[in-house]
C-alpha cells in the first residue's frame, strides 16, 4: 500500500527531484503529490525566520489535505553576505521564483568580494494530519562562481560550484546532484526517521 505525501510546492522540478530521492531511500511505496494535485491553491505565507520554521509552516499547510504534509524550505547562504539570501533565496530579487534575476542580484552583491564560499541548506518537515512531526536538515558546501555554468537544475545551481566534482550543480547529472546535494543529504537523514514514524503509526 502506498503512502501518499503532499509536498507543499508547485515547483514540478522540486517535486520530481524529491520523488526520486524519497523512492531511493523509502522504496516505491511513496507517492508524492503537489499542492495543485490535491486542490490546495491558497498561497502559503513563509513567515519563519529559519529554513526549519518555514518547512514546518509549509508541511502543516499541506497536511490540511488529509494526507501527510511535507515541507521543504531550502536556500543559499553566502558567507560574505552575512548568510544572505537565506530564507529569502527564492525571492531575493523581489519576484518569487525568478531565477535569472536572483542570480544576477547575487553576482552584483558579490562584486569585489574575495570570499565566495557558500552553502545550500535544506530543511524538511513532515506533519501528519494528527499533528505528529518529523524534521531534519541537510547541507552542501561550495563556492559561488562569477558567471553561470550548466543547463541542468534550477535556482542558483548554475553559480554553485562543488569543488570535489569540479562542476556546478547545473553541470551535474540528476544522479550526481542527488548524491551530494543539500536536498539529498536532508532526505537521507529524513528517511530513517520518517520510516520509523510511519511504522509506529501502523503498529
C-alpha atoms as a PDB file:
ATOM      1  CA  UNK A   1       0.000   0.000   0.000  1.00  0.00           C
ATOM      2  CA  UNK A   2       1.361   3.394  -0.990  1.00  0.00           C
ATOM      3  CA  UNK A   3       1.896   6.233   1.450  1.00  0.00           C
ATOM      4  CA  UNK A   4       0.695   9.495  -0.079  1.00  0.00           C
ATOM      5  CA  UNK A   5       2.703  12.575   0.827  1.00  0.00           C
ATOM      6  CA  UNK A   6       1.734  16.090  -0.264  1.00  0.00           C
ATOM      7  CA  UNK A   7       4.708  18.346  -0.878  1.00  0.00           C
ATOM      8  CA  UNK A   8       3.969  21.998  -0.134  1.00  0.00           C
ATOM      9  CA  UNK A   9       5.197  23.169  -3.532  1.00  0.00           C
ATOM     10  CA  UNK A  10       4.044  23.850  -7.072  1.00  0.00           C
ATOM     11  CA  UNK A  11       7.575  23.565  -8.467  1.00  0.00           C
ATOM     12  CA  UNK A  12       7.452  20.466 -10.673  1.00  0.00           C
ATOM     13  CA  UNK A  13      11.253  20.173 -10.771  1.00  0.00           C
ATOM     14  CA  UNK A  14      11.393  20.127  -6.975  1.00  0.00           C
ATOM     15  CA  UNK A  15       8.555  17.585  -6.819  1.00  0.00           C
ATOM     16  CA  UNK A  16      10.368  15.342  -9.307  1.00  0.00           C
ATOM     17  CA  UNK A  17      13.698  15.652  -7.500  1.00  0.00           C
ATOM     18  CA  UNK A  18      12.177  14.800  -4.128  1.00  0.00           C
ATOM     19  CA  UNK A  19      10.096  11.951  -5.557  1.00  0.00           C
ATOM     20  CA  UNK A  20      13.275  10.340  -6.908  1.00  0.00           C
ATOM     21  CA  UNK A  21      15.115  10.793  -3.610  1.00  0.00           C
ATOM     22  CA  UNK A  22      12.255   9.551  -1.435  1.00  0.00           C
ATOM     23  CA  UNK A  23      11.809   6.432  -3.536  1.00  0.00           C
ATOM     24  CA  UNK A  24      15.546   5.800  -3.440  1.00  0.00           C
ATOM     25  CA  UNK A  25      15.563   5.665   0.350  1.00  0.00           C
ATOM     26  CA  UNK A  26      11.992   4.615   1.158  1.00  0.00           C
ATOM     27  CA  UNK A  27      11.115   2.471  -1.850  1.00  0.00           C
ATOM     28  CA  UNK A  28       8.305   2.795  -4.358  1.00  0.00           C
ATOM     29  CA  UNK A  29       5.659   2.818  -1.621  1.00  0.00           C
ATOM     30  CA  UNK A  30       5.874   6.623  -1.600  1.00  0.00           C
ATOM     31  CA  UNK A  31       3.580   8.651  -3.852  1.00  0.00           C
ATOM     32  CA  UNK A  32       4.429  12.351  -3.832  1.00  0.00           C
ATOM     33  CA  UNK A  33       1.786  14.857  -4.845  1.00  0.00           C
ATOM     34  CA  UNK A  34       1.974  18.634  -5.222  1.00  0.00           C
ATOM     35  CA  UNK A  35      -0.403  21.193  -3.727  1.00  0.00           C
ATOM     36  CA  UNK A  36      -2.107  21.538  -7.108  1.00  0.00           C
ATOM     37  CA  UNK A  37      -2.617  17.755  -7.304  1.00  0.00           C
ATOM     38  CA  UNK A  38      -4.792  17.818  -4.166  1.00  0.00           C
ATOM     39  CA  UNK A  39      -6.597  21.079  -4.859  1.00  0.00           C
ATOM     40  CA  UNK A  40      -4.797  23.337  -2.368  1.00  0.00           C
ATOM     41  CA  UNK A  41      -4.418  26.579  -4.277  1.00  0.00           C
ATOM     42  CA  UNK A  42      -4.010  29.140  -1.477  1.00  0.00           C
ATOM     43  CA  UNK A  43      -0.570  30.706  -1.156  1.00  0.00           C
ATOM     44  CA  UNK A  44       1.386  29.719   1.940  1.00  0.00           C
ATOM     45  CA  UNK A  45       2.939  32.640   3.805  1.00  0.00           C
ATOM     46  CA  UNK A  46       6.530  31.767   4.679  1.00  0.00           C
ATOM     47  CA  UNK A  47       6.863  33.861   7.806  1.00  0.00           C
ATOM     48  CA  UNK A  48       9.553  31.811   9.559  1.00  0.00           C
ATOM     49  CA  UNK A  49      12.956  33.247  10.416  1.00  0.00           C
ATOM     50  CA  UNK A  50      14.721  29.959   9.611  1.00  0.00           C
ATOM     51  CA  UNK A  51      14.524  27.225   6.991  1.00  0.00           C
ATOM     52  CA  UNK A  52      13.226  24.821   9.663  1.00  0.00           C
ATOM     53  CA  UNK A  53      10.398  27.156  10.688  1.00  0.00           C
ATOM     54  CA  UNK A  54       9.302  27.676   7.088  1.00  0.00           C
ATOM     55  CA  UNK A  55       9.445  23.932   6.355  1.00  0.00           C
ATOM     56  CA  UNK A  56       7.148  23.305   9.319  1.00  0.00           C
ATOM     57  CA  UNK A  57       4.721  26.037   8.243  1.00  0.00           C
ATOM     58  CA  UNK A  58       4.502  24.577   4.754  1.00  0.00           C
ATOM     59  CA  UNK A  59       4.141  20.993   5.993  1.00  0.00           C
ATOM     60  CA  UNK A  60       1.233  21.961   8.250  1.00  0.00           C
ATOM     61  CA  UNK A  61      -0.484  23.683   5.327  1.00  0.00           C
ATOM     62  CA  UNK A  62      -0.049  20.617   3.105  1.00  0.00           C
ATOM     63  CA  UNK A  63      -1.378  18.330   5.855  1.00  0.00           C
ATOM     64  CA  UNK A  64      -4.730  20.097   5.550  1.00  0.00           C
ATOM     65  CA  UNK A  65      -5.199  17.859   2.511  1.00  0.00           C
ATOM     66  CA  UNK A  66      -5.767  14.950   4.895  1.00  0.00           C
ATOM     67  CA  UNK A  67      -2.500  13.326   3.814  1.00  0.00           C
ATOM     68  CA  UNK A  68       0.966  13.615   5.332  1.00  0.00           C
ATOM     69  CA  UNK A  69       2.264  17.092   4.541  1.00  0.00           C
ATOM     70  CA  UNK A  70       5.889  17.601   3.569  1.00  0.00           C
ATOM     71  CA  UNK A  71       7.537  20.994   3.771  1.00  0.00           C
ATOM     72  CA  UNK A  72      10.857  21.653   2.071  1.00  0.00           C
ATOM     73  CA  UNK A  73      12.469  25.001   2.687  1.00  0.00           C
ATOM     74  CA  UNK A  74      15.840  25.375   1.131  1.00  0.00           C
ATOM     75  CA  UNK A  75      18.118  28.117   0.007  1.00  0.00           C
ATOM     76  CA  UNK A  76      21.548  29.567  -0.327  1.00  0.00           C
ATOM     77  CA  UNK A  77      23.673  31.089   2.429  1.00  0.00           C
ATOM     78  CA  UNK A  78      26.700  33.123   1.363  1.00  0.00           C
ATOM     79  CA  UNK A  79      29.407  33.883   3.921  1.00  0.00           C
ATOM     80  CA  UNK A  80      30.410  37.303   2.554  1.00  0.00           C
ATOM     81  CA  UNK A  81      26.767  38.429   2.500  1.00  0.00           C
ATOM     82  CA  UNK A  82      26.107  37.631   6.172  1.00  0.00           C
ATOM     83  CA  UNK A  83      24.420  34.361   5.149  1.00  0.00           C
ATOM     84  CA  UNK A  84      22.017  36.049   2.719  1.00  0.00           C
ATOM     85  CA  UNK A  85      19.898  35.369   0.761  1.00  0.00           C
ATOM     86  CA  UNK A  86      18.938  32.644   3.261  1.00  0.00           C
ATOM     87  CA  UNK A  87      15.180  32.175   3.700  1.00  0.00           C
ATOM     88  CA  UNK A  88      14.630  34.814   1.015  1.00  0.00           C
ATOM     89  CA  UNK A  89      16.517  32.816  -1.633  1.00  0.00           C
ATOM     90  CA  UNK A  90      13.522  32.243  -3.913  1.00  0.00           C
ATOM     91  CA  UNK A  91      12.511  35.909  -3.795  1.00  0.00           C
ATOM     92  CA  UNK A  92      15.926  37.529  -3.364  1.00  0.00           C
ATOM     93  CA  UNK A  93      15.391  39.983  -6.222  1.00  0.00           C
ATOM     94  CA  UNK A  94      11.797  40.699  -5.185  1.00  0.00           C
ATOM     95  CA  UNK A  95       9.918  38.386  -7.551  1.00  0.00           C
ATOM     96  CA  UNK A  96       9.305  34.869  -6.289  1.00  0.00           C
ATOM     97  CA  UNK A  97      10.943  32.180  -8.400  1.00  0.00           C
ATOM     98  CA  UNK A  98      12.693  34.447 -10.920  1.00  0.00           C
ATOM     99  CA  UNK A  99      15.974  32.540 -11.131  1.00  0.00           C
ATOM    100  CA  UNK A 100      17.605  34.875 -13.639  1.00  0.00           C
ATOM    101  CA  UNK A 101      17.014  37.998 -11.529  1.00  0.00           C
ATOM    102  CA  UNK A 102      18.029  36.246  -8.316  1.00  0.00           C
ATOM    103  CA  UNK A 103      21.295  35.055  -9.835  1.00  0.00           C
ATOM    104  CA  UNK A 104      22.028  38.461 -11.328  1.00  0.00           C
ATOM    105  CA  UNK A 105      21.491  40.190  -7.971  1.00  0.00           C
ATOM    106  CA  UNK A 106      23.691  37.650  -6.207  1.00  0.00           C
ATOM    107  CA  UNK A 107      26.534  38.320  -8.632  1.00  0.00           C
ATOM    108  CA  UNK A 108      26.171  42.083  -8.229  1.00  0.00           C
ATOM    109  CA  UNK A 109      26.224  41.818  -4.448  1.00  0.00           C
ATOM    110  CA  UNK A 110      29.367  39.684  -4.568  1.00  0.00           C
ATOM    111  CA  UNK A 111      31.267  42.112  -6.799  1.00  0.00           C
ATOM    112  CA  UNK A 112      34.688  42.713  -5.259  1.00  0.00           C
ATOM    113  CA  UNK A 113      34.233  40.070  -2.553  1.00  0.00           C
ATOM    114  CA  UNK A 114      37.194  37.711  -2.165  1.00  0.00           C
ATOM    115  CA  UNK A 115      35.377  35.166  -0.030  1.00  0.00           C
ATOM    116  CA  UNK A 116      32.816  33.447  -2.249  1.00  0.00           C
ATOM    117  CA  UNK A 117      32.180  30.436  -0.003  1.00  0.00           C
ATOM    118  CA  UNK A 118      28.555  29.388   0.313  1.00  0.00           C
ATOM    119  CA  UNK A 119      26.280  26.561   1.333  1.00  0.00           C
ATOM    120  CA  UNK A 120      22.970  25.205   0.155  1.00  0.00           C
ATOM    121  CA  UNK A 121      20.736  24.282   3.109  1.00  0.00           C
ATOM    122  CA  UNK A 122      17.570  22.178   3.051  1.00  0.00           C
ATOM    123  CA  UNK A 123      15.149  21.722   5.933  1.00  0.00           C
ATOM    124  CA  UNK A 124      12.482  19.027   5.685  1.00  0.00           C
ATOM    125  CA  UNK A 125       9.442  18.651   7.906  1.00  0.00           C
ATOM    126  CA  UNK A 126       6.706  16.040   7.684  1.00  0.00           C
ATOM    127  CA  UNK A 127       3.440  16.669   9.511  1.00  0.00           C
ATOM    128  CA  UNK A 128       0.764  14.020   9.888  1.00  0.00           C
ATOM    129  CA  UNK A 129      -2.889  15.108   9.998  1.00  0.00           C
ATOM    130  CA  UNK A 130      -2.870  14.082  13.681  1.00  0.00           C
ATOM    131  CA  UNK A 131      -0.096  16.609  14.372  1.00  0.00           C
ATOM    132  CA  UNK A 132       2.983  14.373  14.639  1.00  0.00           C
ATOM    133  CA  UNK A 133       6.130  15.951  13.203  1.00  0.00           C
ATOM    134  CA  UNK A 134       9.412  14.616  11.791  1.00  0.00           C
ATOM    135  CA  UNK A 135      12.137  17.161  10.940  1.00  0.00           C
ATOM    136  CA  UNK A 136      15.685  17.149   9.628  1.00  0.00           C
ATOM    137  CA  UNK A 137      18.203  19.334   7.782  1.00  0.00           C
ATOM    138  CA  UNK A 138      20.919  18.812   5.178  1.00  0.00           C
ATOM    139  CA  UNK A 139      23.613  20.991   3.590  1.00  0.00           C
ATOM    140  CA  UNK A 140      26.367  21.072   0.996  1.00  0.00           C
ATOM    141  CA  UNK A 141      29.348  23.430   0.885  1.00  0.00           C
ATOM    142  CA  UNK A 142      30.576  25.150  -2.268  1.00  0.00           C
ATOM    143  CA  UNK A 143      31.738  28.351  -3.954  1.00  0.00           C
ATOM    144  CA  UNK A 144      29.833  30.979  -5.960  1.00  0.00           C
ATOM    145  CA  UNK A 145      31.321  31.495  -9.428  1.00  0.00           C
ATOM    146  CA  UNK A 146      31.493  34.832 -11.250  1.00  0.00           C
ATOM    147  CA  UNK A 147      29.367  33.549 -14.152  1.00  0.00           C
ATOM    148  CA  UNK A 148      26.816  30.752 -14.567  1.00  0.00           C
ATOM    149  CA  UNK A 149      27.744  27.318 -15.941  1.00  0.00           C
ATOM    150  CA  UNK A 150      25.493  24.422 -16.920  1.00  0.00           C
ATOM    151  CA  UNK A 151      21.932  23.918 -18.101  1.00  0.00           C
ATOM    152  CA  UNK A 152      20.518  21.492 -15.527  1.00  0.00           C
ATOM    153  CA  UNK A 153      18.875  22.041 -12.170  1.00  0.00           C
ATOM    154  CA  UNK A 154      17.209  25.285 -11.102  1.00  0.00           C
ATOM    155  CA  UNK A 155      17.632  28.244  -8.782  1.00  0.00           C
ATOM    156  CA  UNK A 156      21.261  29.081  -8.018  1.00  0.00           C
ATOM    157  CA  UNK A 157      22.583  25.760  -9.388  1.00  0.00           C
ATOM    158  CA  UNK A 158      24.460  27.385 -12.346  1.00  0.00           C
ATOM    159  CA  UNK A 159      26.510  29.538  -9.945  1.00  0.00           C
ATOM    160  CA  UNK A 160      27.108  26.987  -7.184  1.00  0.00           C
ATOM    161  CA  UNK A 161      30.427  25.233  -7.785  1.00  0.00           C
ATOM    162  CA  UNK A 162      31.102  21.965  -5.953  1.00  0.00           C
ATOM    163  CA  UNK A 163      34.912  21.525  -5.747  1.00  0.00           C
ATOM    164  CA  UNK A 164      35.049  17.719  -5.260  1.00  0.00           C
ATOM    165  CA  UNK A 165      33.354  17.223  -8.657  1.00  0.00           C
ATOM    166  CA  UNK A 166      34.844  20.259 -10.388  1.00  0.00           C
ATOM    167  CA  UNK A 167      31.332  21.167 -11.552  1.00  0.00           C
ATOM    168  CA  UNK A 168      28.455  23.453 -10.749  1.00  0.00           C
ATOM    169  CA  UNK A 169      25.207  21.850  -9.624  1.00  0.00           C
ATOM    170  CA  UNK A 170      23.805  22.746 -13.043  1.00  0.00           C
ATOM    171  CA  UNK A 171      26.575  20.767 -14.780  1.00  0.00           C
ATOM    172  CA  UNK A 172      25.841  17.590 -12.845  1.00  0.00           C
ATOM    173  CA  UNK A 173      23.571  14.769 -13.894  1.00  0.00           C
ATOM    174  CA  UNK A 174      20.498  14.246 -11.739  1.00  0.00           C
ATOM    175  CA  UNK A 175      22.145  11.230 -10.102  1.00  0.00           C
ATOM    176  CA  UNK A 176      25.335  13.177  -9.326  1.00  0.00           C
ATOM    177  CA  UNK A 177      23.403  16.070  -7.847  1.00  0.00           C
ATOM    178  CA  UNK A 178      21.138  13.873  -5.743  1.00  0.00           C
ATOM    179  CA  UNK A 179      24.194  12.111  -4.334  1.00  0.00           C
ATOM    180  CA  UNK A 180      25.784  15.268  -2.915  1.00  0.00           C
ATOM    181  CA  UNK A 181      23.099  17.951  -2.714  1.00  0.00           C
ATOM    182  CA  UNK A 182      21.632  19.542   0.390  1.00  0.00           C
ATOM    183  CA  UNK A 183      18.273  18.023  -0.506  1.00  0.00           C
ATOM    184  CA  UNK A 184      19.814  14.590  -0.929  1.00  0.00           C
ATOM    185  CA  UNK A 185      21.556  14.937   2.442  1.00  0.00           C
ATOM    186  CA  UNK A 186      18.312  16.028   4.107  1.00  0.00           C
ATOM    187  CA  UNK A 187      16.318  13.151   2.592  1.00  0.00           C
ATOM    188  CA  UNK A 188      18.894  10.560   3.681  1.00  0.00           C
ATOM    189  CA  UNK A 189      18.616  11.808   7.263  1.00  0.00           C
ATOM    190  CA  UNK A 190      14.838  12.164   6.971  1.00  0.00           C
ATOM    191  CA  UNK A 191      14.145   8.696   5.548  1.00  0.00           C
ATOM    192  CA  UNK A 192      15.047   6.680   8.646  1.00  0.00           C
ATOM    193  CA  UNK A 193      13.088   8.977  10.967  1.00  0.00           C
ATOM    194  CA  UNK A 194      10.072   9.036   8.672  1.00  0.00           C
ATOM    195  CA  UNK A 195      10.047   5.262   8.179  1.00  0.00           C
ATOM    196  CA  UNK A 196      10.165   4.689  11.934  1.00  0.00           C
ATOM    197  CA  UNK A 197       7.275   7.124  12.483  1.00  0.00           C
ATOM    198  CA  UNK A 198       5.267   5.526   9.674  1.00  0.00           C
ATOM    199  CA  UNK A 199       5.741   2.008  11.136  1.00  0.00           C
ATOM    200  CA  UNK A 200       4.842   3.237  14.605  1.00  0.00           C
ATOM    201  CA  UNK A 201       1.595   4.598  13.202  1.00  0.00           C
ATOM    202  CA  UNK A 202       0.657   1.248  11.630  1.00  0.00           C
ATOM    203  CA  UNK A 203       1.515  -0.847  14.721  1.00  0.00           C
END
